[in-house]
Amino acid sequence: MEGKLSLFGRLVAVDTVEALRTTPEVPFELSVTLDMIPDRIQDDLLCLDGVEAVSTSDGVLRVGCADASAKADVITHLDDTEAAILDVRTGEPSLEQVFMETAVEVPRA
């Protein structure tokens, strides 16, 4: 399946949907449910290569990762903490998110 992104009627990207979703500008989200949120975990995770954002809410840690290796590093790091990992979910960016991250304003002629 081929996806196309356009801005103001100008084509700015053509590729498969999967390839568009893996552009470097668009992070993957990793949601990890823990039995407890360790102190300083947000700061620790932000020090890992490829981790772009970290937030917590109701025992769920949400991490924006630049690529698959960053997701693996996050899980490895969390496994080394005192917290028990209860659930892990990964999310691919929607085409809307891809568009918002990759679209550049093209000057009108």
PDB file of N, CA and C in Angstrom:
ATOM      1  N   MET A   1       0.845  -1.174   0.000  1.00  0.00           N
ATOM      2  CA  MET A   1       0.000   0.000   0.000  1.00  0.00           C
ATOM      3  C   MET A   1       0.887   1.233   0.000  1.00  0.00           C
ATOM      4  N   GLU A   2       0.624   2.139  -0.893  1.00  0.00           N
ATOM      5  CA  GLU A   2       1.433   3.345  -1.000  1.00  0.00           C
ATOM      6  C   GLU A   2       0.713   4.500  -0.322  1.00  0.00           C
ATOM      7  N   GLY A   3       1.462   5.279   0.446  1.00  0.00           N
ATOM      8  CA  GLY A   3       0.913   6.461   1.084  1.00  0.00           C
ATOM      9  C   GLY A   3       1.508   7.700   0.459  1.00  0.00           C
ATOM     10  N   LYS A   4       0.705   8.747   0.407  1.00  0.00           N
ATOM     11  CA  LYS A   4       1.171  10.016  -0.144  1.00  0.00           C
ATOM     12  C   LYS A   4       0.831  11.114   0.845  1.00  0.00           C
ATOM     13  N   LEU A   5       1.765  12.002   1.075  1.00  0.00           N
ATOM     14  CA  LEU A   5       1.534  13.154   1.924  1.00  0.00           C
ATOM     15  C   LEU A   5       1.690  14.403   1.085  1.00  0.00           C
ATOM     16  N   SER A   6       0.737  15.307   1.213  1.00  0.00           N
ATOM     17  CA  SER A   6       0.849  16.553   0.464  1.00  0.00           C
ATOM     18  C   SER A   6       0.535  17.720   1.378  1.00  0.00           C
ATOM     19  N   LEU A   7       1.044  18.863   1.027  1.00  0.00           N
ATOM     20  CA  LEU A   7       0.840  20.091   1.772  1.00  0.00           C
ATOM     21  C   LEU A   7       0.533  21.180   0.773  1.00  0.00           C
ATOM     22  N   PHE A   8      -0.594  21.836   0.957  1.00  0.00           N
ATOM     23  CA  PHE A   8      -1.031  22.891   0.044  1.00  0.00           C
ATOM     24  C   PHE A   8      -1.028  22.413  -1.401  1.00  0.00           C
ATOM     25  N   GLY A   9      -1.443  21.162  -1.606  1.00  0.00           N
ATOM     26  CA  GLY A   9      -1.536  20.629  -2.956  1.00  0.00           C
ATOM     27  C   GLY A   9      -0.218  20.183  -3.552  1.00  0.00           C
ATOM     28  N   ARG A  10       0.876  20.305  -2.819  1.00  0.00           N
ATOM     29  CA  ARG A  10       2.183  19.854  -3.319  1.00  0.00           C
ATOM     30  C   ARG A  10       2.561  18.556  -2.632  1.00  0.00           C
ATOM     31  N   LEU A  11       2.963  17.590  -3.421  1.00  0.00           N
ATOM     32  CA  LEU A  11       3.367  16.295  -2.895  1.00  0.00           C
ATOM     33  C   LEU A  11       4.699  16.448  -2.164  1.00  0.00           C
ATOM     34  N   VAL A  12       4.736  16.031  -0.893  1.00  0.00           N
ATOM     35  CA  VAL A  12       5.978  16.158  -0.127  1.00  0.00           C
ATOM     36  C   VAL A  12       6.578  14.808   0.249  1.00  0.00           C
ATOM     37  N   ALA A  13       5.803  13.731   0.113  1.00  0.00           N
ATOM     38  CA  ALA A  13       6.339  12.403   0.425  1.00  0.00           C
ATOM     39  C   ALA A  13       5.510  11.335  -0.271  1.00  0.00           C
ATOM     40  N   VAL A  14       6.188  10.359  -0.846  1.00  0.00           N
ATOM     41  CA  VAL A  14       5.534   9.198  -1.448  1.00  0.00           C
ATOM     42  C   VAL A  14       6.328   7.977  -1.026  1.00  0.00           C
ATOM     43  N   ASP A  15       5.650   7.032  -0.395  1.00  0.00           N
ATOM     44  CA  ASP A  15       6.313   5.804   0.028  1.00  0.00           C
ATOM     45  C   ASP A  15       5.241   4.864   0.542  1.00  0.00           C
ATOM     46  N   THR A  16       5.657   3.689   0.980  1.00  0.00           N
ATOM     47  CA  THR A  16       4.687   2.795   1.599  1.00  0.00           C
ATOM     48  C   THR A  16       4.296   3.378   2.953  1.00  0.00           C
ATOM     49  N   VAL A  17       3.133   3.001   3.443  1.00  0.00           N
ATOM     50  CA  VAL A  17       2.684   3.484   4.745  1.00  0.00           C
ATOM     51  C   VAL A  17       3.696   3.089   5.817  1.00  0.00           C
ATOM     52  N   GLU A  18       4.202   1.869   5.754  1.00  0.00           N
ATOM     53  CA  GLU A  18       5.177   1.401   6.740  1.00  0.00           C
ATOM     54  C   GLU A  18       6.452   2.245   6.707  1.00  0.00           C
ATOM     55  N   ALA A  19       6.926   2.572   5.514  1.00  0.00           N
ATOM     56  CA  ALA A  19       8.146   3.379   5.398  1.00  0.00           C
ATOM     57  C   ALA A  19       7.912   4.798   5.896  1.00  0.00           C
ATOM     58  N   LEU A  20       6.754   5.368   5.592  1.00  0.00           N
ATOM     59  CA  LEU A  20       6.454   6.715   6.078  1.00  0.00           C
ATOM     60  C   LEU A  20       6.415   6.743   7.604  1.00  0.00           C
ATOM     61  N   ARG A  21       5.899   5.674   8.198  1.00  0.00           N
ATOM     62  CA  ARG A  21       5.811   5.622   9.660  1.00  0.00           C
ATOM     63  C   ARG A  21       7.177   5.488  10.317  1.00  0.00           C
ATOM     64  N   THR A  22       8.173   5.026   9.595  1.00  0.00           N
ATOM     65  CA  THR A  22       9.498   4.843  10.195  1.00  0.00           C
ATOM     66  C   THR A  22      10.458   5.971   9.861  1.00  0.00           C
ATOM     67  N   THR A  23       9.937   7.094   9.399  1.00  0.00           N
ATOM     68  CA  THR A  23      10.822   8.227   9.156  1.00  0.00           C
ATOM     69  C   THR A  23      11.411   8.682  10.485  1.00  0.00           C
ATOM     70  N   PRO A  24      12.649   9.138  10.490  1.00  0.00           N
ATOM     71  CA  PRO A  24      13.322   9.475  11.745  1.00  0.00           C
ATOM     72  C   PRO A  24      12.632  10.566  12.555  1.00  0.00           C
ATOM     73  N   GLU A  25      11.839  11.407  11.900  1.00  0.00           N
ATOM     74  CA  GLU A  25      11.200  12.511  12.607  1.00  0.00           C
ATOM     75  C   GLU A  25      10.031  12.058  13.470  1.00  0.00           C
ATOM     76  N   VAL A  26       9.542  10.836  13.268  1.00  0.00           N
ATOM     77  CA  VAL A  26       8.328  10.381  13.936  1.00  0.00           C
ATOM     78  C   VAL A  26       8.666   9.299  14.956  1.00  0.00           C
ATOM     79  N   PRO A  27       8.544   9.620  16.256  1.00  0.00           N
ATOM     80  CA  PRO A  27       8.888   8.631  17.274  1.00  0.00           C
ATOM     81  C   PRO A  27       7.813   7.556  17.436  1.00  0.00           C
ATOM     82  N   PHE A  28       8.241   6.379  17.871  1.00  0.00           N
ATOM     83  CA  PHE A  28       7.332   5.307  18.254  1.00  0.00           C
ATOM     84  C   PHE A  28       7.010   5.490  19.729  1.00  0.00           C
ATOM     85  N   GLU A  29       5.802   5.116  20.141  1.00  0.00           N
ATOM     86  CA  GLU A  29       5.473   5.200  21.558  1.00  0.00           C
ATOM     87  C   GLU A  29       5.511   3.819  22.185  1.00  0.00           C
ATOM     88  N   LEU A  30       6.140   3.753  23.317  1.00  0.00           N
ATOM     89  CA  LEU A  30       6.218   2.536  24.106  1.00  0.00           C
ATOM     90  C   LEU A  30       5.488   2.824  25.411  1.00  0.00           C
ATOM     91  N   SER A  31       4.471   2.026  25.735  1.00  0.00           N
ATOM     92  CA  SER A  31       3.732   2.172  26.995  1.00  0.00           C
ATOM     93  C   SER A  31       4.030   0.960  27.860  1.00  0.00           C
ATOM     94  N   VAL A  32       4.556   1.220  29.041  1.00  0.00           N
ATOM     95  CA  VAL A  32       4.938   0.137  29.947  1.00  0.00           C
ATOM     96  C   VAL A  32       4.191   0.330  31.263  1.00  0.00           C
ATOM     97  N   THR A  33       3.414  -0.687  31.652  1.00  0.00           N
ATOM     98  CA  THR A  33       2.721  -0.654  32.935  1.00  0.00           C
ATOM     99  C   THR A  33       3.633  -1.306  33.968  1.00  0.00           C
ATOM    100  N   LEU A  34       3.875  -0.568  35.039  1.00  0.00           N
ATOM    101  CA  LEU A  34       4.763  -1.035  36.105  1.00  0.00           C
ATOM    102  C   LEU A  34       3.982  -1.152  37.406  1.00  0.00           C
ATOM    103  N   ASP A  35       4.457  -1.977  38.330  1.00  0.00           N
ATOM    104  CA  ASP A  35       3.791  -2.060  39.629  1.00  0.00           C
ATOM    105  C   ASP A  35       4.072  -0.823  40.473  1.00  0.00           C
ATOM    106  N   MET A  36       5.123  -0.111  40.142  1.00  0.00           N
ATOM    107  CA  MET A  36       5.481   1.152  40.799  1.00  0.00           C
ATOM    108  C   MET A  36       6.401   1.928  39.862  1.00  0.00           C
ATOM    109  N   ILE A  37       6.380   3.235  39.987  1.00  0.00           N
ATOM    110  CA  ILE A  37       7.253   4.080  39.164  1.00  0.00           C
ATOM    111  C   ILE A  37       8.501   4.407  39.990  1.00  0.00           C
ATOM    112  N   PRO A  38       9.664   3.899  39.596  1.00  0.00           N
ATOM    113  CA  PRO A  38      10.892   4.178  40.350  1.00  0.00           C
ATOM    114  C   PRO A  38      11.246   5.673  40.340  1.00  0.00           C
ATOM    115  N   ASP A  39      11.855   6.115  41.427  1.00  0.00           N
ATOM    116  CA  ASP A  39      12.338   7.498  41.494  1.00  0.00           C
ATOM    117  C   ASP A  39      13.332   7.747  40.368  1.00  0.00           C
ATOM    118  N   ARG A  40      13.298   8.921  39.804  1.00  0.00           N
ATOM    119  CA  ARG A  40      14.226   9.393  38.774  1.00  0.00           C
ATOM    120  C   ARG A  40      14.183   8.590  37.475  1.00  0.00           C
ATOM    121  N   ILE A  41      13.165   7.744  37.283  1.00  0.00           N
ATOM    122  CA  ILE A  41      13.137   6.920  36.075  1.00  0.00           C
ATOM    123  C   ILE A  41      13.023   7.775  34.818  1.00  0.00           C
ATOM    124  N   GLN A  42      12.271   8.877  34.902  1.00  0.00           N
ATOM    125  CA  GLN A  42      12.147   9.727  33.719  1.00  0.00           C
ATOM    126  C   GLN A  42      13.501  10.291  33.308  1.00  0.00           C
ATOM    127  N   ASP A  43      14.246  10.809  34.268  1.00  0.00           N
ATOM    128  CA  ASP A  43      15.575  11.354  33.966  1.00  0.00           C
ATOM    129  C   ASP A  43      16.518  10.268  33.454  1.00  0.00           C
ATOM    130  N   ASP A  44      16.458   9.089  34.078  1.00  0.00           N
ATOM    131  CA  ASP A  44      17.325   7.981  33.651  1.00  0.00           C
ATOM    132  C   ASP A  44      17.036   7.574  32.212  1.00  0.00           C
ATOM    133  N   LEU A  45      15.748   7.453  31.874  1.00  0.00           N
ATOM    134  CA  LEU A  45      15.392   7.028  30.517  1.00  0.00           C
ATOM    135  C   LEU A  45      15.744   8.085  29.478  1.00  0.00           C
ATOM    136  N   LEU A  46      15.596   9.353  29.830  1.00  0.00           N
ATOM    137  CA  LEU A  46      15.937  10.422  28.882  1.00  0.00           C
ATOM    138  C   LEU A  46      17.426  10.447  28.550  1.00  0.00           C
ATOM    139  N   CYS A  47      18.251   9.817  29.372  1.00  0.00           N
ATOM    140  CA  CYS A  47      19.691   9.736  29.099  1.00  0.00           C
ATOM    141  C   CYS A  47      20.030   8.644  28.084  1.00  0.00           C
ATOM    142  N   LEU A  48      19.078   7.760  27.793  1.00  0.00           N
ATOM    143  CA  LEU A  48      19.334   6.684  26.832  1.00  0.00           C
ATOM    144  C   LEU A  48      19.268   7.220  25.408  1.00  0.00           C
ATOM    145  N   ASP A  49      20.151   6.724  24.546  1.00  0.00           N
ATOM    146  CA  ASP A  49      20.133   7.115  23.133  1.00  0.00           C
ATOM    147  C   ASP A  49      18.797   6.740  22.509  1.00  0.00           C
ATOM    148  N   GLY A  50      18.225   7.673  21.774  1.00  0.00           N
ATOM    149  CA  GLY A  50      16.990   7.399  21.053  1.00  0.00           C
ATOM    150  C   GLY A  50      15.719   7.633  21.836  1.00  0.00           C
ATOM    151  N   VAL A  51      15.824   7.949  23.129  1.00  0.00           N
ATOM    152  CA  VAL A  51      14.636   8.262  23.918  1.00  0.00           C
ATOM    153  C   VAL A  51      14.386   9.759  23.807  1.00  0.00           C
ATOM    154  N   GLU A  52      13.203  10.107  23.320  1.00  0.00           N
ATOM    155  CA  GLU A  52      12.899  11.509  23.041  1.00  0.00           C
ATOM    156  C   GLU A  52      11.947  12.147  24.040  1.00  0.00           C
ATOM    157  N   ALA A  53      11.111  11.358  24.698  1.00  0.00           N
ATOM    158  CA  ALA A  53      10.146  11.902  25.651  1.00  0.00           C
ATOM    159  C   ALA A  53       9.738  10.808  26.619  1.00  0.00           C
ATOM    160  N   VAL A  54       9.447  11.217  27.867  1.00  0.00           N
ATOM    161  CA  VAL A  54       8.997  10.268  28.884  1.00  0.00           C
ATOM    162  C   VAL A  54       7.924  10.946  29.720  1.00  0.00           C
ATOM    163  N   SER A  55       6.820  10.239  29.948  1.00  0.00           N
ATOM    164  CA  SER A  55       5.781  10.740  30.841  1.00  0.00           C
ATOM    165  C   SER A  55       5.203   9.568  31.623  1.00  0.00           C
ATOM    166  N   THR A  56       4.594   9.871  32.772  1.00  0.00           N
ATOM    167  CA  THR A  56       3.970   8.830  33.583  1.00  0.00           C
ATOM    168  C   THR A  56       2.564   9.260  33.957  1.00  0.00           C
ATOM    169  N   SER A  57       1.686   8.255  34.069  1.00  0.00           N
ATOM    170  CA  SER A  57       0.316   8.502  34.495  1.00  0.00           C
ATOM    171  C   SER A  57      -0.298   7.183  34.934  1.00  0.00           C
ATOM    172  N   ASP A  58      -0.799   7.138  36.163  1.00  0.00           N
ATOM    173  CA  ASP A  58      -1.497   5.960  36.690  1.00  0.00           C
ATOM    174  C   ASP A  58      -0.703   4.665  36.530  1.00  0.00           C
ATOM    175  N   GLY A  59       0.573   4.688  36.847  1.00  0.00           N
ATOM    176  CA  GLY A  59       1.390   3.485  36.782  1.00  0.00           C
ATOM    177  C   GLY A  59       1.844   3.095  35.393  1.00  0.00           C
ATOM    178  N   VAL A  60       1.530   3.940  34.399  1.00  0.00           N
ATOM    179  CA  VAL A  60       1.942   3.661  33.021  1.00  0.00           C
ATOM    180  C   VAL A  60       3.016   4.659  32.623  1.00  0.00           C
ATOM    181  N   LEU A  61       4.102   4.128  32.125  1.00  0.00           N
ATOM    182  CA  LEU A  61       5.224   4.927  31.654  1.00  0.00           C
ATOM    183  C   LEU A  61       5.121   4.986  30.138  1.00  0.00           C
ATOM    184  N   ARG A  62       5.060   6.186  29.572  1.00  0.00           N
ATOM    185  CA  ARG A  62       4.995   6.348  28.121  1.00  0.00           C
ATOM    186  C   ARG A  62       6.316   6.949  27.655  1.00  0.00           C
ATOM    187  N   VAL A  63       6.928   6.263  26.693  1.00  0.00           N
ATOM    188  CA  VAL A  63       8.253   6.666  26.232  1.00  0.00           C
ATOM    189  C   VAL A  63       8.227   6.826  24.718  1.00  0.00           C
ATOM    190  N   GLY A  64       8.631   7.994  24.243  1.00  0.00           N
ATOM    191  CA  GLY A  64       8.777   8.233  22.810  1.00  0.00           C
ATOM    192  C   GLY A  64      10.165   7.794  22.388  1.00  0.00           C
ATOM    193  N   CYS A  65      10.222   6.830  21.476  1.00  0.00           N
ATOM    194  CA  CYS A  65      11.501   6.252  21.046  1.00  0.00           C
ATOM    195  C   CYS A  65      11.738   6.517  19.565  1.00  0.00           C
ATOM    196  N   ALA A  66      12.965   6.856  19.224  1.00  0.00           N
ATOM    197  CA  ALA A  66      13.315   7.154  17.835  1.00  0.00           C
ATOM    198  C   ALA A  66      13.343   5.903  16.968  1.00  0.00           C
ATOM    199  N   ASP A  67      13.654   4.754  17.560  1.00  0.00           N
ATOM    200  CA  ASP A  67      13.766   3.529  16.766  1.00  0.00           C
ATOM    201  C   ASP A  67      13.606   2.301  17.652  1.00  0.00           C
ATOM    202  N   ALA A  68      13.632   1.129  17.028  1.00  0.00           N
ATOM    203  CA  ALA A  68      13.426  -0.126  17.756  1.00  0.00           C
ATOM    204  C   ALA A  68      14.516  -0.394  18.785  1.00  0.00           C
ATOM    205  N   SER A  69      15.745  -0.012  18.489  1.00  0.00           N
ATOM    206  CA  SER A  69      16.812  -0.270  19.458  1.00  0.00           C
ATOM    207  C   SER A  69      16.603   0.543  20.728  1.00  0.00           C
ATOM    208  N   ALA A  70      16.043   1.738  20.607  1.00  0.00           N
ATOM    209  CA  ALA A  70      15.748   2.544  21.793  1.00  0.00           C
ATOM    210  C   ALA A  70      14.676   1.864  22.641  1.00  0.00           C
ATOM    211  N   LYS A  71      13.677   1.267  21.980  1.00  0.00           N
ATOM    212  CA  LYS A  71      12.635   0.552  22.731  1.00  0.00           C
ATOM    213  C   LYS A  71      13.250  -0.605  23.511  1.00  0.00           C
ATOM    214  N   ALA A  72      14.153  -1.340  22.886  1.00  0.00           N
ATOM    215  CA  ALA A  72      14.813  -2.463  23.559  1.00  0.00           C
ATOM    216  C   ALA A  72      15.644  -1.974  24.741  1.00  0.00           C
ATOM    217  N   ASP A  73      16.334  -0.849  24.571  1.00  0.00           N
ATOM    218  CA  ASP A  73      17.144  -0.290  25.659  1.00  0.00           C
ATOM    219  C   ASP A  73      16.268   0.129  26.841  1.00  0.00           C
ATOM    220  N   VAL A  74      15.095   0.683  26.553  1.00  0.00           N
ATOM    221  CA  VAL A  74      14.171   1.092  27.619  1.00  0.00           C
ATOM    222  C   VAL A  74      13.732  -0.131  28.420  1.00  0.00           C
ATOM    223  N   ILE A  75      13.325  -1.185  27.726  1.00  0.00           N
ATOM    224  CA  ILE A  75      12.876  -2.403  28.417  1.00  0.00           C
ATOM    225  C   ILE A  75      14.010  -3.001  29.244  1.00  0.00           C
ATOM    226  N   THR A  76      15.212  -3.052  28.690  1.00  0.00           N
ATOM    227  CA  THR A  76      16.367  -3.578  29.429  1.00  0.00           C
ATOM    228  C   THR A  76      16.621  -2.752  30.680  1.00  0.00           C
ATOM    229  N   HIS A  77      16.572  -1.426  30.545  1.00  0.00           N
ATOM    230  CA  HIS A  77      16.804  -0.549  31.691  1.00  0.00           C
ATOM    231  C   HIS A  77      15.725  -0.761  32.761  1.00  0.00           C
ATOM    232  N   LEU A  78      14.467  -0.832  32.335  1.00  0.00           N
ATOM    233  CA  LEU A  78      13.380  -1.028  33.299  1.00  0.00           C
ATOM    234  C   LEU A  78      13.486  -2.380  33.997  1.00  0.00           C
ATOM    235  N   ASP A  79      13.940  -3.377  33.276  1.00  0.00           N
ATOM    236  CA  ASP A  79      14.096  -4.715  33.855  1.00  0.00           C
ATOM    237  C   ASP A  79      15.153  -4.723  34.957  1.00  0.00           C
ATOM    238  N   ASP A  80      16.097  -3.789  34.894  1.00  0.00           N
ATOM    239  CA  ASP A  80      17.157  -3.696  35.898  1.00  0.00           C
ATOM    240  C   ASP A  80      16.748  -2.877  37.119  1.00  0.00           C
ATOM    241  N   THR A  81      15.523  -2.325  37.135  1.00  0.00           N
ATOM    242  CA  THR A  81      15.056  -1.544  38.290  1.00  0.00           C
ATOM    243  C   THR A  81      14.297  -2.455  39.242  1.00  0.00           C
ATOM    244  N   GLU A  82      13.869  -1.871  40.365  1.00  0.00           N
ATOM    245  CA  GLU A  82      13.103  -2.647  41.345  1.00  0.00           C
ATOM    246  C   GLU A  82      11.640  -2.814  40.943  1.00  0.00           C
ATOM    247  N   ALA A  83      11.208  -2.140  39.906  1.00  0.00           N
ATOM    248  CA  ALA A  83       9.813  -2.222  39.459  1.00  0.00           C
ATOM    249  C   ALA A  83       9.576  -3.487  38.642  1.00  0.00           C
ATOM    250  N   ALA A  84       8.386  -4.048  38.804  1.00  0.00           N
ATOM    251  CA  ALA A  84       7.996  -5.210  38.000  1.00  0.00           C
ATOM    252  C   ALA A  84       7.239  -4.719  36.767  1.00  0.00           C
ATOM    253  N   ILE A  85       7.619  -5.225  35.609  1.00  0.00           N
ATOM    254  CA  ILE A  85       6.935  -4.879  34.364  1.00  0.00           C
ATOM    255  C   ILE A  85       5.690  -5.752  34.262  1.00  0.00           C
ATOM    256  N   LEU A  86       4.517  -5.104  34.207  1.00  0.00           N
ATOM    257  CA  LEU A  86       3.250  -5.827  34.147  1.00  0.00           C
ATOM    258  C   LEU A  86       2.718  -5.952  32.728  1.00  0.00           C
ATOM    259  N   ASP A  87       3.012  -4.967  31.883  1.00  0.00           N
ATOM    260  CA  ASP A  87       2.501  -4.982  30.510  1.00  0.00           C
ATOM    261  C   ASP A  87       3.356  -4.056  29.657  1.00  0.00           C
ATOM    262  N   VAL A  88       3.523  -4.425  28.399  1.00  0.00           N
ATOM    263  CA  VAL A  88       4.255  -3.598  27.443  1.00  0.00           C
ATOM    264  C   VAL A  88       3.424  -3.500  26.174  1.00  0.00           C
ATOM    265  N   ARG A  89       3.226  -2.287  25.701  1.00  0.00           N
ATOM    266  CA  ARG A  89       2.510  -2.060  24.440  1.00  0.00           C
ATOM    267  C   ARG A  89       3.322  -1.090  23.592  1.00  0.00           C
ATOM    268  N   THR A  90       3.336  -1.358  22.312  1.00  0.00           N
ATOM    269  CA  THR A  90       4.010  -0.439  21.402  1.00  0.00           C
ATOM    270  C   THR A  90       2.979   0.133  20.450  1.00  0.00           C
ATOM    271  N   GLY A  91       3.218   1.339  20.041  1.00  0.00           N
ATOM    272  CA  GLY A  91       2.304   1.978  19.111  1.00  0.00           C
ATOM    273  C   GLY A  91       3.060   2.595  17.958  1.00  0.00           C
ATOM    274  N   GLU A  92       2.520   2.385  16.762  1.00  0.00           N
ATOM    275  CA  GLU A  92       3.089   3.037  15.589  1.00  0.00           C
ATOM    276  C   GLU A  92       2.393   4.379  15.418  1.00  0.00           C
ATOM    277  N   PRO A  93       3.085   5.342  14.889  1.00  0.00           N
ATOM    278  CA  PRO A  93       2.449   6.635  14.664  1.00  0.00           C
ATOM    279  C   PRO A  93       1.373   6.527  13.588  1.00  0.00           C
ATOM    280  N   SER A  94       0.331   7.323  13.745  1.00  0.00           N
ATOM    281  CA  SER A  94      -0.713   7.373  12.722  1.00  0.00           C
ATOM    282  C   SER A  94      -0.195   8.169  11.527  1.00  0.00           C
ATOM    283  N   LEU A  95      -0.868   8.049  10.399  1.00  0.00           N
ATOM    284  CA  LEU A  95      -0.464   8.844   9.234  1.00  0.00           C
ATOM    285  C   LEU A  95      -0.601  10.331   9.524  1.00  0.00           C
ATOM    286  N   GLU A  96      -1.563  10.708  10.356  1.00  0.00           N
ATOM    287  CA  GLU A  96      -1.698  12.116  10.736  1.00  0.00           C
ATOM    288  C   GLU A  96      -0.461  12.587  11.492  1.00  0.00           C
ATOM    289  N   GLN A  97       0.035  11.763  12.430  1.00  0.00           N
ATOM    290  CA  GLN A  97       1.252  12.125  13.160  1.00  0.00           C
ATOM    291  C   GLN A  97       2.440  12.225  12.213  1.00  0.00           C
ATOM    292  N   VAL A  98       2.537  11.294  11.269  1.00  0.00           N
ATOM    293  CA  VAL A  98       3.622  11.333  10.283  1.00  0.00           C
ATOM    294  C   VAL A  98       3.544  12.635   9.503  1.00  0.00           C
ATOM    295  N   PHE A  99       2.348  12.985   9.057  1.00  0.00           N
ATOM    296  CA  PHE A  99       2.170  14.215   8.294  1.00  0.00           C
ATOM    297  C   PHE A  99       2.599  15.426   9.117  1.00  0.00           C
ATOM    298  N   MET A 100       2.131  15.504  10.356  1.00  0.00           N
ATOM    299  CA  MET A 100       2.437  16.666  11.193  1.00  0.00           C
ATOM    300  C   MET A 100       3.935  16.789  11.473  1.00  0.00           C
ATOM    301  N   GLU A 101       4.638  15.665  11.554  1.00  0.00           N
ATOM    302  CA  GLU A 101       6.068  15.696  11.844  1.00  0.00           C
ATOM    303  C   GLU A 101       6.932  15.907  10.603  1.00  0.00           C
ATOM    304  N   THR A 102       6.452  15.483   9.446  1.00  0.00           N
ATOM    305  CA  THR A 102       7.302  15.535   8.256  1.00  0.00           C
ATOM    306  C   THR A 102       6.947  16.649   7.291  1.00  0.00           C
ATOM    307  N   ALA A 103       5.753  17.184   7.397  1.00  0.00           N
ATOM    308  CA  ALA A 103       5.338  18.228   6.454  1.00  0.00           C
ATOM    309  C   ALA A 103       6.141  19.500   6.707  1.00  0.00           C
ATOM    310  N   VAL A 104       6.592  20.084   5.656  1.00  0.00           N
ATOM    311  CA  VAL A 104       7.295  21.360   5.735  1.00  0.00           C
ATOM    312  C   VAL A 104       6.519  22.369   4.917  1.00  0.00           C
ATOM    313  N   GLU A 105       6.531  23.581   5.362  1.00  0.00           N
ATOM    314  CA  GLU A 105       5.801  24.602   4.632  1.00  0.00           C
ATOM    315  C   GLU A 105       6.535  24.921   3.340  1.00  0.00           C
ATOM    316  N   VAL A 106       5.817  24.826   2.252  1.00  0.00           N
ATOM    317  CA  VAL A 106       6.380  25.091   0.934  1.00  0.00           C
ATOM    318  C   VAL A 106       5.922  26.480   0.512  1.00  0.00           C
ATOM    319  N   PRO A 107       6.865  27.382   0.201  1.00  0.00           N
ATOM    320  CA  PRO A 107       6.467  28.727  -0.214  1.00  0.00           C
ATOM    321  C   PRO A 107       5.614  28.674  -1.476  1.00  0.00           C
ATOM    322  N   ARG A 108       4.592  29.489  -1.490  1.00  0.00           N
ATOM    323  CA  ARG A 108       3.739  29.559  -2.679  1.00  0.00           C
ATOM    324  C   ARG A 108       4.452  30.353  -3.762  1.00  0.00           C
ATOM    325  N   ALA A 109       4.293  29.883  -4.974  1.00  0.00           N
ATOM    326  CA  ALA A 109       4.952  30.544  -6.110  1.00  0.00           C
ATOM    327  C   ALA A 109       4.219  31.799  -6.519  1.00  0.00           C
TER     328      ALA A 109
END
